[in-house]
Protein backbone atom coordinates (compact mmCIF):
# COMPACT_ATOMS: atom_id res chain seq x y z
CA MET A 1 -15.44 9.24 44.62
CA PHE A 2 -13.71 10.37 41.49
CA ILE A 3 -10.40 11.83 41.61
CA ILE A 4 -9.44 14.13 38.34
CA ASN A 5 -6.18 14.89 37.46
CA ILE A 6 -5.43 17.46 34.78
CA LEU A 7 -2.53 17.05 32.92
CA SER A 8 -0.55 19.86 30.93
CA LYS A 9 -0.46 19.02 27.30
CA GLU A 10 2.95 18.78 26.60
CA HIS A 11 2.93 16.00 30.04
CA ALA A 12 -0.02 14.49 28.30
CA SER A 13 1.59 14.14 24.98
CA GLN A 14 4.81 12.42 26.51
CA ILE A 15 2.51 9.71 28.02
CA LEU A 16 0.65 9.01 24.83
CA VAL A 17 3.60 9.03 22.35
CA ARG A 18 4.02 5.19 21.18
CA LYS A 19 6.70 4.26 18.78
CA ARG A 20 5.93 3.71 15.18
CA ARG A 21 5.79 -0.13 14.23
CA ALA A 22 7.04 -1.12 10.67
CA ASN A 23 3.47 -2.96 9.69
CA THR A 24 2.58 -0.42 6.91
CA LEU A 25 1.19 -1.46 3.90
CA LEU A 26 2.81 -4.51 1.92
CA GLU A 27 5.38 -4.40 4.64
CA GLU A 28 6.13 -8.27 3.48
CA THR A 29 7.27 -7.15 0.25
CA LYS A 30 10.31 -5.24 1.85
CA LYS A 31 13.83 -6.29 2.07
CA GLY A 32 14.62 -7.14 5.77
CA ASN A 33 16.01 -4.68 7.98
CA LEU A 34 18.54 -5.79 10.65
CA GLU A 35 18.11 -2.57 13.16
CA ARG A 36 14.36 -2.80 12.57
CA GLU A 37 13.83 -6.51 13.23
CA CYS A 38 16.22 -7.72 15.80
CA ILE A 39 17.96 -4.56 17.40
CA GLU A 40 14.82 -2.21 17.90
CA GLU A 41 12.57 -5.15 18.58
CA LEU A 42 12.60 -8.28 20.63
CA CYS A 43 12.88 -10.80 17.26
CA ASN A 44 13.33 -14.40 16.98
CA LYS A 45 14.93 -16.99 14.71
CA GLU A 46 12.54 -16.15 11.63
CA GLU A 47 12.82 -12.28 12.31
CA ALA A 48 16.60 -12.22 11.88
CA ARG A 49 16.04 -14.68 8.90
CA GLU A 50 13.89 -12.23 7.09
CA VAL A 51 17.09 -9.93 6.97
CA PHE A 52 19.83 -12.44 5.90
CA GLU A 53 17.23 -14.68 3.85
CA ASN A 54 19.18 -18.01 4.81
CA ASN A 55 19.75 -20.22 7.58
CA PRO A 56 23.69 -20.13 7.93
CA GLU A 57 23.95 -16.40 7.67
CA THR A 58 21.35 -16.27 10.42
CA VAL A 59 23.18 -18.70 13.09
CA VAL A 60 26.09 -16.91 12.24
CA TRP A 61 24.99 -13.16 12.84
CA ALA A 62 23.05 -14.92 16.05
CA HIS A 63 26.54 -16.51 17.58
CA SER A 64 28.29 -13.26 16.87
CA ALA A 65 25.48 -11.14 18.81
CA LEU A 66 25.83 -13.41 21.53
CA ALA A 67 29.51 -12.97 21.86
CA HIS A 68 29.37 -9.18 21.19
CA SER A 69 26.89 -8.99 23.97
CA LEU A 70 28.92 -11.14 26.26
CA GLN A 71 32.27 -8.76 25.58
CA ARG A 72 29.94 -5.59 26.59
CA GLY A 73 28.84 -7.48 29.83
CA SER A 74 25.16 -6.86 28.61
CA GLN A 75 22.45 -9.56 28.72
CA LEU A 76 21.29 -11.37 25.45
CA MET A 77 18.75 -13.94 25.16
CA LEU A 78 19.10 -16.16 22.21
CA THR A 79 17.19 -19.41 21.23
CA LEU A 80 17.94 -20.16 17.57
CA THR A 81 14.92 -22.45 17.34
CA SER A 82 12.02 -20.47 18.20
CA GLY A 83 12.89 -18.24 21.23
CA ALA A 84 13.40 -14.55 21.29
CA VAL A 85 16.53 -12.44 20.69
CA SER A 86 16.87 -9.25 22.75
CA MET A 87 19.67 -6.86 23.35
């Protein structure tokens, strides 16, 4: 037995909407963007490093992000070796 559910065009469009990713042609040549790399998406140390382009600044940002998250009372998962940073 099959059940057919007919949705309005508007409702179907809401379900099918997807967030556009920054994986366009030659993306690797673009300068890192903190919002794109680590706020809109789940990121790891390497993604954050693409923004800052050096390890000391990446570590400083990660610790600052953790402190800010704790002040707001929100959760931040932070692993500087290979794990994820999510806000």
